[in-house]
Amino acid sequence: MGVFAFLPLVLPLSAWPIARLAETRLHPRAATLLLTAVAVVMAGCSTLCLVMVVGTARLPGNPLPDGWSDPRVRAAVPHDEIAGRAALAALVLVVAACARTLLRHRRVTRRARRALGPVGGPPLCGRTAGGRRPDPAAPPGPRVAVLPDSTPYAYALPGGPGRIVVSTALLAGLAPAERRALFAHERAHLAARHHRHLLAVHLAARATPFLVPLRAAVVYTAERWADEEAARTVGDRRTVARAIGRAALLSAGTPAPTLAALAATGPVPRRVAALLAPAPVARTWPPAFTAVGLAAWGAAAGALVSAMASANSAVTLFLIVHTTASL
């Protein structure tokens, strides 16, 4: 293994260029999928790298013998006590941070579902601010829970079945066309399961701090993805832009009712400006000889090398353990 085993810890730096360029040069759907895949692969490889370093270091309870006379074995394994103990501490922090994120995600989701009550009967079609008659702007698909609350907010609550939660204060401040755009936006979050992409990049950033730029980029591109789907559904990009801007003004200073892994607003001025511009061209991969294309290939190459390095470390450790156990 040698130094090659430590490559997955620094290779996430190769994804920084695409994290910024993807926000403006790629279609939001392609950017979200690409950045999420790169973040998950690199975070998994870096975590596996820590496990390998811990397993090959001279630590109490490791599966390898303490005294090796064969210099080839010593050259193949990063047999360093300082690196092993540092990797062990880092691994404990990674596991604790990811576990905390998952527990908080589950706790907030359960709390939100308990507050909404059981799901039964026909799908709700929403209510007006007065809560007395159906709102024609509500979508016919996911259930809409309109809460009588003076705090303006709206978010998509995933699960089976998914639900759109919106307060009467926010609905009262939007015109009917803007309500339709709002519901279409939240419905797009549920349909594309954006909460899974967001939770994945949040866990990846917890595992590898170098992936924080990718997490911020996915938060933005997921919102842009929902914006474009809402614009396609409503048929008017300016209406969606007005709905986003007005909802942001109404909810300014309001704390988010859910985890960022469930819903996030992203940079609102940039989203509005993107909606006022022409619709982005949908393509699965950017042209190779462009800045975003080179950045995408660089991130893909970094993820591939990271996967190869972690796989090499895992296979080497397995062979060493298997060989020493048979002696």
C-alpha atoms as a PDB file:
ATOM      1  CA  MET A   1       0.000   0.000   0.000  1.00  0.00           C
ATOM      2  CA  GLY A   2       2.451   2.686   1.140  1.00  0.00           C
ATOM      3  CA  VAL A   3       1.646   6.311   0.374  1.00  0.00           C
ATOM      4  CA  PHE A   4      -0.886   5.135  -2.232  1.00  0.00           C
ATOM      5  CA  ALA A   5      -3.199   4.177   0.632  1.00  0.00           C
ATOM      6  CA  PHE A   6      -3.475   7.808   1.756  1.00  0.00           C
ATOM      7  CA  LEU A   7      -4.518   9.208  -1.638  1.00  0.00           C
ATOM      8  CA  PRO A   8      -8.302   8.983  -0.966  1.00  0.00           C
ATOM      9  CA  LEU A   9      -7.855  11.494   1.857  1.00  0.00           C
ATOM     10  CA  VAL A  10      -6.675  14.280  -0.479  1.00  0.00           C
ATOM     11  CA  LEU A  11      -8.258  13.364  -3.825  1.00  0.00           C
ATOM     12  CA  PRO A  12     -11.566  15.117  -2.921  1.00  0.00           C
ATOM     13  CA  LEU A  13      -9.683  18.330  -3.685  1.00  0.00           C
ATOM     14  CA  SER A  14      -9.909  17.378  -7.366  1.00  0.00           C
ATOM     15  CA  ALA A  15     -13.681  17.925  -7.211  1.00  0.00           C
ATOM     16  CA  TRP A  16     -13.503  21.578  -6.160  1.00  0.00           C
ATOM     17  CA  PRO A  17     -13.473  23.022  -9.714  1.00  0.00           C
ATOM     18  CA  ILE A  18     -16.592  21.124 -10.802  1.00  0.00           C
ATOM     19  CA  ALA A  19     -18.387  22.088  -7.586  1.00  0.00           C
ATOM     20  CA  ARG A  20     -18.435  25.725  -8.670  1.00  0.00           C
ATOM     21  CA  LEU A  21     -18.700  25.325 -12.424  1.00  0.00           C
ATOM     22  CA  ALA A  22     -21.575  22.832 -12.267  1.00  0.00           C
ATOM     23  CA  GLU A  23     -23.833  25.399 -10.607  1.00  0.00           C
ATOM     24  CA  THR A  24     -23.814  27.659 -13.653  1.00  0.00           C
ATOM     25  CA  ARG A  25     -22.642  25.533 -16.593  1.00  0.00           C
ATOM     26  CA  LEU A  26     -24.614  22.289 -16.187  1.00  0.00           C
ATOM     27  CA  HIS A  27     -28.307  21.525 -16.146  1.00  0.00           C
ATOM     28  CA  PRO A  28     -29.380  21.351 -12.473  1.00  0.00           C
ATOM     29  CA  ARG A  29     -30.465  17.725 -12.792  1.00  0.00           C
ATOM     30  CA  ALA A  30     -27.142  16.621 -14.290  1.00  0.00           C
ATOM     31  CA  ALA A  31     -25.178  18.716 -11.779  1.00  0.00           C
ATOM     32  CA  THR A  32     -27.043  17.248  -8.806  1.00  0.00           C
ATOM     33  CA  LEU A  33     -26.580  13.666  -9.955  1.00  0.00           C
ATOM     34  CA  LEU A  34     -22.907  14.158 -10.864  1.00  0.00           C
ATOM     35  CA  LEU A  35     -21.908  15.974  -7.691  1.00  0.00           C
ATOM     36  CA  THR A  36     -23.797  13.550  -5.463  1.00  0.00           C
ATOM     37  CA  ALA A  37     -22.145  10.537  -7.098  1.00  0.00           C
ATOM     38  CA  VAL A  38     -18.667  12.057  -6.833  1.00  0.00           C
ATOM     39  CA  ALA A  39     -19.199  13.050  -3.195  1.00  0.00           C
ATOM     40  CA  VAL A  40     -20.488   9.617  -2.167  1.00  0.00           C
ATOM     41  CA  VAL A  41     -17.654   7.752  -3.916  1.00  0.00           C
ATOM     42  CA  MET A  42     -14.942   9.984  -2.511  1.00  0.00           C
ATOM     43  CA  ALA A  43     -16.368   9.996   1.004  1.00  0.00           C
ATOM     44  CA  GLY A  44     -16.690   6.214   0.999  1.00  0.00           C
ATOM     45  CA  CYS A  45     -13.132   5.785  -0.272  1.00  0.00           C
ATOM     46  CA  SER A  46     -11.656   8.199   2.269  1.00  0.00           C
ATOM     47  CA  THR A  47     -13.490   6.438   5.091  1.00  0.00           C
ATOM     48  CA  LEU A  48     -12.250   3.067   3.845  1.00  0.00           C
ATOM     49  CA  CYS A  49      -8.753   4.547   3.743  1.00  0.00           C
ATOM     50  CA  LEU A  50      -8.999   5.434   7.434  1.00  0.00           C
ATOM     51  CA  VAL A  51     -10.178   1.915   8.218  1.00  0.00           C
ATOM     52  CA  MET A  52      -7.219   0.434   6.331  1.00  0.00           C
ATOM     53  CA  VAL A  53      -4.676   2.670   8.082  1.00  0.00           C
ATOM     54  CA  VAL A  54      -6.169   1.825  11.466  1.00  0.00           C
ATOM     55  CA  GLY A  55      -6.130  -1.878  10.641  1.00  0.00           C
ATOM     56  CA  THR A  56      -2.479  -1.882   9.591  1.00  0.00           C
ATOM     57  CA  ALA A  57      -1.083   0.288  12.380  1.00  0.00           C
ATOM     58  CA  ARG A  58       0.389  -1.019  15.615  1.00  0.00           C
ATOM     59  CA  LEU A  59      -2.646  -0.559  17.798  1.00  0.00           C
ATOM     60  CA  PRO A  60      -3.973  -2.810  20.568  1.00  0.00           C
ATOM     61  CA  GLY A  61      -6.320  -5.427  19.204  1.00  0.00           C
ATOM     62  CA  ASN A  62      -5.392  -5.105  15.516  1.00  0.00           C
ATOM     63  CA  PRO A  63      -5.555  -8.369  13.568  1.00  0.00           C
ATOM     64  CA  LEU A  64      -1.953  -8.227  12.344  1.00  0.00           C
ATOM     65  CA  PRO A  65       1.107  -9.436  14.257  1.00  0.00           C
ATOM     66  CA  ASP A  66       3.263  -6.844  16.017  1.00  0.00           C
ATOM     67  CA  GLY A  67       6.583  -8.287  15.008  1.00  0.00           C
ATOM     68  CA  TRP A  68       7.219  -8.733  11.300  1.00  0.00           C
ATOM     69  CA  SER A  69      10.705  -9.543  10.100  1.00  0.00           C
ATOM     70  CA  ASP A  70      10.008  -9.591   6.389  1.00  0.00           C
ATOM     71  CA  PRO A  71      10.975  -6.167   4.998  1.00  0.00           C
ATOM     72  CA  ARG A  72       8.602  -6.637   2.067  1.00  0.00           C
ATOM     73  CA  VAL A  73       5.650  -6.813   4.468  1.00  0.00           C
ATOM     74  CA  ARG A  74       6.811  -3.671   6.278  1.00  0.00           C
ATOM     75  CA  ALA A  75       7.167  -1.864   2.962  1.00  0.00           C
ATOM     76  CA  ALA A  76       3.665  -2.861   1.866  1.00  0.00           C
ATOM     77  CA  VAL A  77       1.902  -1.633   5.005  1.00  0.00           C
ATOM     78  CA  PRO A  78       1.909   1.903   6.477  1.00  0.00           C
ATOM     79  CA  HIS A  79       3.100   0.435   9.767  1.00  0.00           C
ATOM     80  CA  ASP A  80       3.243   3.710  11.662  1.00  0.00           C
ATOM     81  CA  GLU A  81       1.920   4.189  15.171  1.00  0.00           C
ATOM     82  CA  ILE A  82       1.328   7.952  14.871  1.00  0.00           C
ATOM     83  CA  ALA A  83      -0.576   7.633  11.589  1.00  0.00           C
ATOM     84  CA  GLY A  84      -2.604   4.743  12.961  1.00  0.00           C
ATOM     85  CA  ARG A  85      -3.655   6.577  16.100  1.00  0.00           C
ATOM     86  CA  ALA A  86      -4.484   9.728  14.127  1.00  0.00           C
ATOM     87  CA  ALA A  87      -6.551   7.651  11.686  1.00  0.00           C
ATOM     88  CA  LEU A  88      -8.359   5.990  14.588  1.00  0.00           C
ATOM     89  CA  ALA A  89      -9.289   9.370  16.083  1.00  0.00           C
ATOM     90  CA  ALA A  90     -10.437  10.644  12.690  1.00  0.00           C
ATOM     91  CA  LEU A  91     -12.496   7.508  12.092  1.00  0.00           C
ATOM     92  CA  VAL A  92     -14.238   7.866  15.448  1.00  0.00           C
ATOM     93  CA  LEU A  93     -15.088  11.487  14.652  1.00  0.00           C
ATOM     94  CA  VAL A  94     -16.431  10.545  11.212  1.00  0.00           C
ATOM     95  CA  VAL A  95     -18.657   7.794  12.595  1.00  0.00           C
ATOM     96  CA  ALA A  96     -19.935  10.037  15.373  1.00  0.00           C
ATOM     97  CA  ALA A  97     -20.681  12.942  13.006  1.00  0.00           C
ATOM     98  CA  CYS A  98     -22.504  10.728  10.487  1.00  0.00           C
ATOM     99  CA  ALA A  99     -24.480   8.993  13.234  1.00  0.00           C
ATOM    100  CA  ARG A 100     -25.495  12.356  14.688  1.00  0.00           C
ATOM    101  CA  THR A 101     -26.660  13.570  11.263  1.00  0.00           C
ATOM    102  CA  LEU A 102     -28.700  10.418  10.639  1.00  0.00           C
ATOM    103  CA  LEU A 103     -30.285  10.491  14.103  1.00  0.00           C
ATOM    104  CA  ARG A 104     -31.191  14.160  13.769  1.00  0.00           C
ATOM    105  CA  HIS A 105     -32.658  13.540  10.325  1.00  0.00           C
ATOM    106  CA  ARG A 106     -34.809  10.717  11.651  1.00  0.00           C
ATOM    107  CA  ARG A 107     -35.848  12.637  14.759  1.00  0.00           C
ATOM    108  CA  VAL A 108     -36.941  15.717  12.815  1.00  0.00           C
ATOM    109  CA  THR A 109     -38.804  13.629  10.253  1.00  0.00           C
ATOM    110  CA  ARG A 110     -40.671  11.704  12.937  1.00  0.00           C
ATOM    111  CA  ARG A 111     -41.491  14.876  14.831  1.00  0.00           C
ATOM    112  CA  ALA A 112     -42.873  16.500  11.683  1.00  0.00           C
ATOM    113  CA  ARG A 113     -44.979  13.442  10.854  1.00  0.00           C
ATOM    114  CA  ARG A 114     -46.380  13.233  14.370  1.00  0.00           C
ATOM    115  CA  ALA A 115     -47.308  16.921  14.208  1.00  0.00           C
ATOM    116  CA  LEU A 116     -49.209  16.329  10.961  1.00  0.00           C
ATOM    117  CA  GLY A 117     -51.087  13.332  12.342  1.00  0.00           C
ATOM    118  CA  PRO A 118     -52.010  10.083  10.575  1.00  0.00           C
ATOM    119  CA  VAL A 119     -52.556   9.977   6.845  1.00  0.00           C
ATOM    120  CA  GLY A 120     -56.006   8.790   5.904  1.00  0.00           C
ATOM    121  CA  GLY A 121     -58.876   9.439   3.554  1.00  0.00           C
ATOM    122  CA  PRO A 122     -58.580  11.049   0.131  1.00  0.00           C
ATOM    123  CA  PRO A 123     -55.608  13.274  -0.728  1.00  0.00           C
ATOM    124  CA  LEU A 124     -55.969  16.778   0.633  1.00  0.00           C
ATOM    125  CA  CYS A 125     -56.250  19.581  -1.880  1.00  0.00           C
ATOM    126  CA  GLY A 126     -55.110  22.349   0.448  1.00  0.00           C
ATOM    127  CA  ARG A 127     -56.865  25.272   2.089  1.00  0.00           C
ATOM    128  CA  THR A 128     -56.860  28.991   1.705  1.00  0.00           C
ATOM    129  CA  ALA A 129     -55.453  31.282   4.367  1.00  0.00           C
ATOM    130  CA  GLY A 130     -58.832  31.221   6.103  1.00  0.00           C
ATOM    131  CA  GLY A 131     -58.819  27.435   6.100  1.00  0.00           C
ATOM    132  CA  ARG A 132     -62.473  27.114   4.973  1.00  0.00           C
ATOM    133  CA  ARG A 133     -62.523  26.292   1.286  1.00  0.00           C
ATOM    134  CA  PRO A 134     -60.315  24.274  -1.097  1.00  0.00           C
ATOM    135  CA  ASP A 135     -57.389  25.987  -2.720  1.00  0.00           C
ATOM    136  CA  PRO A 136     -57.425  25.408  -6.506  1.00  0.00           C
ATOM    137  CA  ALA A 137     -53.676  26.030  -6.632  1.00  0.00           C
ATOM    138  CA  ALA A 138     -52.900  22.876  -4.671  1.00  0.00           C
ATOM    139  CA  PRO A 139     -51.595  19.926  -6.728  1.00  0.00           C
ATOM    140  CA  PRO A 140     -53.658  16.753  -7.155  1.00  0.00           C
ATOM    141  CA  GLY A 141     -50.731  14.413  -6.377  1.00  0.00           C
ATOM    142  CA  PRO A 142     -49.004  14.518  -2.960  1.00  0.00           C
ATOM    143  CA  ARG A 143     -50.998  15.334   0.122  1.00  0.00           C
ATOM    144  CA  VAL A 144     -50.864  18.969   1.141  1.00  0.00           C
ATOM    145  CA  ALA A 145     -50.913  19.856   4.812  1.00  0.00           C
ATOM    146  CA  VAL A 146     -51.796  23.516   5.353  1.00  0.00           C
ATOM    147  CA  LEU A 147     -50.990  24.470   8.921  1.00  0.00           C
ATOM    148  CA  PRO A 148     -52.621  27.492  10.590  1.00  0.00           C
ATOM    149  CA  ASP A 149     -49.412  29.258  11.491  1.00  0.00           C
ATOM    150  CA  SER A 150     -48.378  32.915  11.449  1.00  0.00           C
ATOM    151  CA  THR A 151     -44.850  31.888  10.478  1.00  0.00           C
ATOM    152  CA  PRO A 152     -44.398  31.651   6.682  1.00  0.00           C
ATOM    153  CA  TYR A 153     -42.751  28.411   5.512  1.00  0.00           C
ATOM    154  CA  ALA A 154     -43.147  25.567   3.040  1.00  0.00           C
ATOM    155  CA  TYR A 155     -41.261  22.317   2.620  1.00  0.00           C
ATOM    156  CA  ALA A 156     -41.577  18.814   1.225  1.00  0.00           C
ATOM    157  CA  LEU A 157     -41.720  16.058   3.830  1.00  0.00           C
ATOM    158  CA  PRO A 158     -40.450  12.801   2.286  1.00  0.00           C
ATOM    159  CA  GLY A 159     -41.517   9.314   3.177  1.00  0.00           C
ATOM    160  CA  GLY A 160     -44.429   7.081   2.381  1.00  0.00           C
ATOM    161  CA  PRO A 161     -46.463   8.925   1.359  1.00  0.00           C
ATOM    162  CA  GLY A 162     -44.692  12.226   0.824  1.00  0.00           C
ATOM    163  CA  ARG A 163     -46.450  15.382   1.897  1.00  0.00           C
ATOM    164  CA  ILE A 164     -46.186  19.076   1.158  1.00  0.00           C
ATOM    165  CA  VAL A 165     -46.348  21.232   4.276  1.00  0.00           C
ATOM    166  CA  VAL A 166     -47.159  24.928   3.971  1.00  0.00           C
ATOM    167  CA  SER A 167     -48.324  27.539   6.444  1.00  0.00           C
ATOM    168  CA  THR A 168     -51.342  29.755   6.021  1.00  0.00           C
ATOM    169  CA  ALA A 169     -49.114  32.811   6.470  1.00  0.00           C
ATOM    170  CA  LEU A 170     -47.128  31.957   3.350  1.00  0.00           C
ATOM    171  CA  LEU A 171     -50.197  31.117   1.270  1.00  0.00           C
ATOM    172  CA  ALA A 172     -51.807  34.420   2.254  1.00  0.00           C
ATOM    173  CA  GLY A 173     -48.848  36.325   0.836  1.00  0.00           C
ATOM    174  CA  LEU A 174     -48.832  34.612  -2.566  1.00  0.00           C
ATOM    175  CA  ALA A 175     -51.042  35.124  -5.577  1.00  0.00           C
ATOM    176  CA  PRO A 176     -52.874  32.061  -7.016  1.00  0.00           C
ATOM    177  CA  ALA A 177     -50.347  31.654  -9.833  1.00  0.00           C
ATOM    178  CA  GLU A 178     -47.482  31.908  -7.353  1.00  0.00           C
ATOM    179  CA  ARG A 179     -49.139  29.268  -5.169  1.00  0.00           C
ATOM    180  CA  ARG A 180     -49.237  26.908  -8.119  1.00  0.00           C
ATOM    181  CA  ALA A 181     -45.527  27.548  -8.673  1.00  0.00           C
ATOM    182  CA  LEU A 182     -44.816  26.914  -4.995  1.00  0.00           C
ATOM    183  CA  PHE A 183     -46.700  23.618  -4.994  1.00  0.00           C
ATOM    184  CA  ALA A 184     -45.039  22.548  -8.250  1.00  0.00           C
ATOM    185  CA  HIS A 185     -41.631  23.297  -6.750  1.00  0.00           C
ATOM    186  CA  GLU A 186     -42.242  21.231  -3.617  1.00  0.00           C
ATOM    187  CA  ARG A 187     -43.834  18.477  -5.657  1.00  0.00           C
ATOM    188  CA  ALA A 188     -40.669  18.299  -7.778  1.00  0.00           C
ATOM    189  CA  HIS A 189     -38.630  17.793  -4.603  1.00  0.00           C
ATOM    190  CA  LEU A 190     -40.745  14.777  -3.711  1.00  0.00           C
ATOM    191  CA  ALA A 191     -40.821  13.323  -7.221  1.00  0.00           C
ATOM    192  CA  ALA A 192     -37.034  13.505  -7.671  1.00  0.00           C
ATOM    193  CA  ARG A 193     -36.339  12.432  -4.066  1.00  0.00           C
ATOM    194  CA  HIS A 194     -34.016  15.353  -3.512  1.00  0.00           C
ATOM    195  CA  HIS A 195     -33.901  14.617   0.202  1.00  0.00           C
ATOM    196  CA  ARG A 196     -31.793  11.538  -0.586  1.00  0.00           C
ATOM    197  CA  HIS A 197     -29.254  13.526  -2.589  1.00  0.00           C
ATOM    198  CA  LEU A 198     -29.051  16.176   0.114  1.00  0.00           C
ATOM    199  CA  LEU A 199     -28.691  13.668   2.931  1.00  0.00           C
ATOM    200  CA  ALA A 200     -25.996  11.807   0.975  1.00  0.00           C
ATOM    201  CA  VAL A 201     -23.862  14.911   0.441  1.00  0.00           C
ATOM    202  CA  HIS A 202     -24.381  15.987   4.055  1.00  0.00           C
ATOM    203  CA  LEU A 203     -23.016  12.623   5.209  1.00  0.00           C
ATOM    204  CA  ALA A 204     -20.184  12.858   2.682  1.00  0.00           C
ATOM    205  CA  ALA A 205     -19.204  16.293   3.996  1.00  0.00           C
ATOM    206  CA  ARG A 206     -19.243  14.919   7.526  1.00  0.00           C
ATOM    207  CA  ALA A 207     -16.886  12.128   6.439  1.00  0.00           C
ATOM    208  CA  THR A 208     -14.535  14.380   4.450  1.00  0.00           C
ATOM    209  CA  PRO A 209     -14.359  18.129   5.129  1.00  0.00           C
ATOM    210  CA  PHE A 210     -12.866  18.629   1.649  1.00  0.00           C
ATOM    211  CA  LEU A 211     -16.321  17.788   0.244  1.00  0.00           C
ATOM    212  CA  VAL A 212     -18.070  20.754   1.880  1.00  0.00           C
ATOM    213  CA  PRO A 213     -18.030  22.738  -1.425  1.00  0.00           C
ATOM    214  CA  LEU A 214     -19.845  19.849  -3.112  1.00  0.00           C
ATOM    215  CA  ARG A 215     -22.481  19.860  -0.374  1.00  0.00           C
ATOM    216  CA  ALA A 216     -23.123  23.578  -0.871  1.00  0.00           C
ATOM    217  CA  ALA A 217     -23.297  23.080  -4.631  1.00  0.00           C
ATOM    218  CA  VAL A 218     -25.824  20.225  -4.371  1.00  0.00           C
ATOM    219  CA  VAL A 219     -28.025  22.276  -2.034  1.00  0.00           C
ATOM    220  CA  TYR A 220     -28.164  24.928  -4.762  1.00  0.00           C
ATOM    221  CA  THR A 221     -28.523  22.608  -7.781  1.00  0.00           C
ATOM    222  CA  ALA A 222     -31.292  20.580  -6.116  1.00  0.00           C
ATOM    223  CA  GLU A 223     -33.280  23.770  -5.618  1.00  0.00           C
ATOM    224  CA  ARG A 224     -32.559  24.817  -9.185  1.00  0.00           C
ATOM    225  CA  TRP A 225     -33.720  21.400 -10.382  1.00  0.00           C
ATOM    226  CA  ALA A 226     -37.025  21.900  -8.567  1.00  0.00           C
ATOM    227  CA  ASP A 227     -37.246  25.451  -9.948  1.00  0.00           C
ATOM    228  CA  GLU A 228     -36.881  24.220 -13.528  1.00  0.00           C
ATOM    229  CA  GLU A 229     -39.456  21.486 -13.007  1.00  0.00           C
ATOM    230  CA  ALA A 230     -41.859  24.043 -11.537  1.00  0.00           C
ATOM    231  CA  ALA A 231     -41.274  26.368 -14.502  1.00  0.00           C
ATOM    232  CA  ARG A 232     -41.967  23.505 -16.906  1.00  0.00           C
ATOM    233  CA  THR A 233     -45.157  22.592 -15.039  1.00  0.00           C
ATOM    234  CA  VAL A 234     -46.476  26.141 -14.673  1.00  0.00           C
ATOM    235  CA  GLY A 235     -45.307  27.206 -18.134  1.00  0.00           C
ATOM    236  CA  ASP A 236     -43.999  30.592 -17.003  1.00  0.00           C
ATOM    237  CA  ARG A 237     -40.477  31.070 -15.664  1.00  0.00           C
ATOM    238  CA  ARG A 238     -41.209  34.604 -14.413  1.00  0.00           C
ATOM    239  CA  THR A 239     -44.097  33.375 -12.273  1.00  0.00           C
ATOM    240  CA  VAL A 240     -41.821  30.864 -10.582  1.00  0.00           C
ATOM    241  CA  ALA A 241     -39.179  33.560 -10.088  1.00  0.00           C
ATOM    242  CA  ARG A 242     -41.756  35.860  -8.466  1.00  0.00           C
ATOM    243  CA  ALA A 243     -42.994  33.058  -6.227  1.00  0.00           C
ATOM    244  CA  ILE A 244     -39.474  32.246  -5.055  1.00  0.00           C
ATOM    245  CA  GLY A 245     -38.600  35.888  -4.439  1.00  0.00           C
ATOM    246  CA  ARG A 246     -41.832  36.683  -2.606  1.00  0.00           C
ATOM    247  CA  ALA A 247     -41.644  33.534  -0.478  1.00  0.00           C
ATOM    248  CA  ALA A 248     -38.063  34.419   0.459  1.00  0.00           C
ATOM    249  CA  LEU A 249     -39.103  37.946   1.453  1.00  0.00           C
ATOM    250  CA  LEU A 250     -42.025  36.678   3.500  1.00  0.00           C
ATOM    251  CA  SER A 251     -39.937  34.077   5.327  1.00  0.00           C
ATOM    252  CA  ALA A 252     -36.850  36.251   5.816  1.00  0.00           C
ATOM    253  CA  GLY A 253     -35.422  35.587   9.259  1.00  0.00           C
ATOM    254  CA  THR A 254     -37.679  32.600   9.804  1.00  0.00           C
ATOM    255  CA  PRO A 255     -35.802  29.547  11.086  1.00  0.00           C
ATOM    256  CA  ALA A 256     -36.033  26.497   8.833  1.00  0.00           C
ATOM    257  CA  PRO A 257     -38.673  24.081  10.184  1.00  0.00           C
ATOM    258  CA  THR A 258     -36.738  21.039   8.966  1.00  0.00           C
ATOM    259  CA  LEU A 259     -33.259  19.745   8.407  1.00  0.00           C
ATOM    260  CA  ALA A 260     -31.262  21.036   5.479  1.00  0.00           C
ATOM    261  CA  ALA A 261     -31.341  17.400   4.340  1.00  0.00           C
ATOM    262  CA  LEU A 262     -35.119  17.697   3.991  1.00  0.00           C
ATOM    263  CA  ALA A 263     -35.393  21.127   2.422  1.00  0.00           C
ATOM    264  CA  ALA A 264     -33.146  24.071   1.715  1.00  0.00           C
ATOM    265  CA  THR A 265     -33.747  27.358  -0.053  1.00  0.00           C
ATOM    266  CA  GLY A 266     -30.301  27.898  -1.536  1.00  0.00           C
ATOM    267  CA  PRO A 267     -29.088  31.327  -2.735  1.00  0.00           C
ATOM    268  CA  VAL A 268     -32.382  32.952  -3.707  1.00  0.00           C
ATOM    269  CA  PRO A 269     -31.011  35.872  -5.818  1.00  0.00           C
ATOM    270  CA  ARG A 270     -29.026  33.460  -7.996  1.00  0.00           C
ATOM    271  CA  ARG A 271     -32.072  31.204  -8.398  1.00  0.00           C
ATOM    272  CA  VAL A 272     -34.263  34.123  -9.439  1.00  0.00           C
ATOM    273  CA  ALA A 273     -31.643  35.352 -11.897  1.00  0.00           C
ATOM    274  CA  ALA A 274     -31.373  31.857 -13.399  1.00  0.00           C
ATOM    275  CA  LEU A 275     -35.145  31.692 -13.868  1.00  0.00           C
ATOM    276  CA  LEU A 276     -35.192  35.063 -15.599  1.00  0.00           C
ATOM    277  CA  ALA A 277     -32.590  33.751 -18.044  1.00  0.00           C
ATOM    278  CA  PRO A 278     -33.332  31.201 -20.804  1.00  0.00           C
ATOM    279  CA  ALA A 279     -33.875  27.602 -19.746  1.00  0.00           C
ATOM    280  CA  PRO A 280     -30.638  25.590 -19.457  1.00  0.00           C
ATOM    281  CA  VAL A 281     -29.856  22.983 -22.089  1.00  0.00           C
ATOM    282  CA  ALA A 282     -30.334  19.457 -20.789  1.00  0.00           C
ATOM    283  CA  ARG A 283     -27.358  17.182 -21.458  1.00  0.00           C
ATOM    284  CA  THR A 284     -26.052  14.164 -19.601  1.00  0.00           C
ATOM    285  CA  TRP A 285     -22.379  15.173 -19.836  1.00  0.00           C
ATOM    286  CA  PRO A 286     -20.730  18.489 -20.731  1.00  0.00           C
ATOM    287  CA  PRO A 287     -18.489  18.852 -23.808  1.00  0.00           C
ATOM    288  CA  ALA A 288     -14.979  17.604 -23.083  1.00  0.00           C
ATOM    289  CA  PHE A 289     -12.970  20.603 -24.289  1.00  0.00           C
ATOM    290  CA  THR A 290     -14.660  23.200 -22.107  1.00  0.00           C
ATOM    291  CA  ALA A 291     -13.906  24.416 -18.595  1.00  0.00           C
ATOM    292  CA  VAL A 292     -16.832  22.543 -17.067  1.00  0.00           C
ATOM    293  CA  GLY A 293     -16.073  19.462 -19.173  1.00  0.00           C
ATOM    294  CA  LEU A 294     -12.447  19.349 -18.039  1.00  0.00           C
ATOM    295  CA  ALA A 295     -13.542  19.906 -14.439  1.00  0.00           C
ATOM    296  CA  ALA A 296     -16.078  17.080 -14.715  1.00  0.00           C
ATOM    297  CA  TRP A 297     -13.490  14.704 -16.147  1.00  0.00           C
ATOM    298  CA  GLY A 298     -11.059  15.768 -13.432  1.00  0.00           C
ATOM    299  CA  ALA A 299     -13.579  15.027 -10.712  1.00  0.00           C
ATOM    300  CA  ALA A 300     -14.444  11.702 -12.333  1.00  0.00           C
ATOM    301  CA  ALA A 301     -10.752  10.812 -12.599  1.00  0.00           C
ATOM    302  CA  GLY A 302     -10.219  11.754  -8.959  1.00  0.00           C
ATOM    303  CA  ALA A 303     -13.123   9.574  -7.899  1.00  0.00           C
ATOM    304  CA  LEU A 304     -11.790   6.686 -10.016  1.00  0.00           C
ATOM    305  CA  VAL A 305      -8.268   6.947  -8.617  1.00  0.00           C
ATOM    306  CA  SER A 306      -9.691   7.207  -5.107  1.00  0.00           C
ATOM    307  CA  ALA A 307     -11.738   4.051  -5.658  1.00  0.00           C
ATOM    308  CA  MET A 308      -8.721   2.227  -7.080  1.00  0.00           C
ATOM    309  CA  ALA A 309      -6.517   3.291  -4.164  1.00  0.00           C
ATOM    310  CA  SER A 310      -9.025   2.211  -1.530  1.00  0.00           C
ATOM    311  CA  ALA A 311      -9.673  -1.067  -3.355  1.00  0.00           C
ATOM    312  CA  ASN A 312      -5.935  -1.717  -3.549  1.00  0.00           C
ATOM    313  CA  SER A 313      -5.590  -1.061   0.188  1.00  0.00           C
ATOM    314  CA  ALA A 314      -8.517  -3.321   1.017  1.00  0.00           C
ATOM    315  CA  VAL A 315      -7.244  -6.191  -1.147  1.00  0.00           C
ATOM    316  CA  THR A 316      -3.706  -5.826   0.212  1.00  0.00           C
ATOM    317  CA  LEU A 317      -4.899  -5.886   3.814  1.00  0.00           C
ATOM    318  CA  PHE A 318      -7.104  -8.905   3.120  1.00  0.00           C
ATOM    319  CA  LEU A 319      -4.216 -10.826   1.550  1.00  0.00           C
ATOM    320  CA  ILE A 320      -1.859  -9.943   4.407  1.00  0.00           C
ATOM    321  CA  VAL A 321      -4.387 -10.973   7.055  1.00  0.00           C
ATOM    322  CA  HIS A 322      -5.184 -14.165   5.169  1.00  0.00           C
ATOM    323  CA  THR A 323      -1.497 -15.023   4.750  1.00  0.00           C
ATOM    324  CA  THR A 324      -0.499 -14.285   8.336  1.00  0.00           C
ATOM    325  CA  ALA A 325      -3.496 -16.177   9.698  1.00  0.00           C
ATOM    326  CA  SER A 326      -2.472 -19.308   7.826  1.00  0.00           C
ATOM    327  CA  LEU A 327       1.098 -19.223   9.202  1.00  0.00           C
END
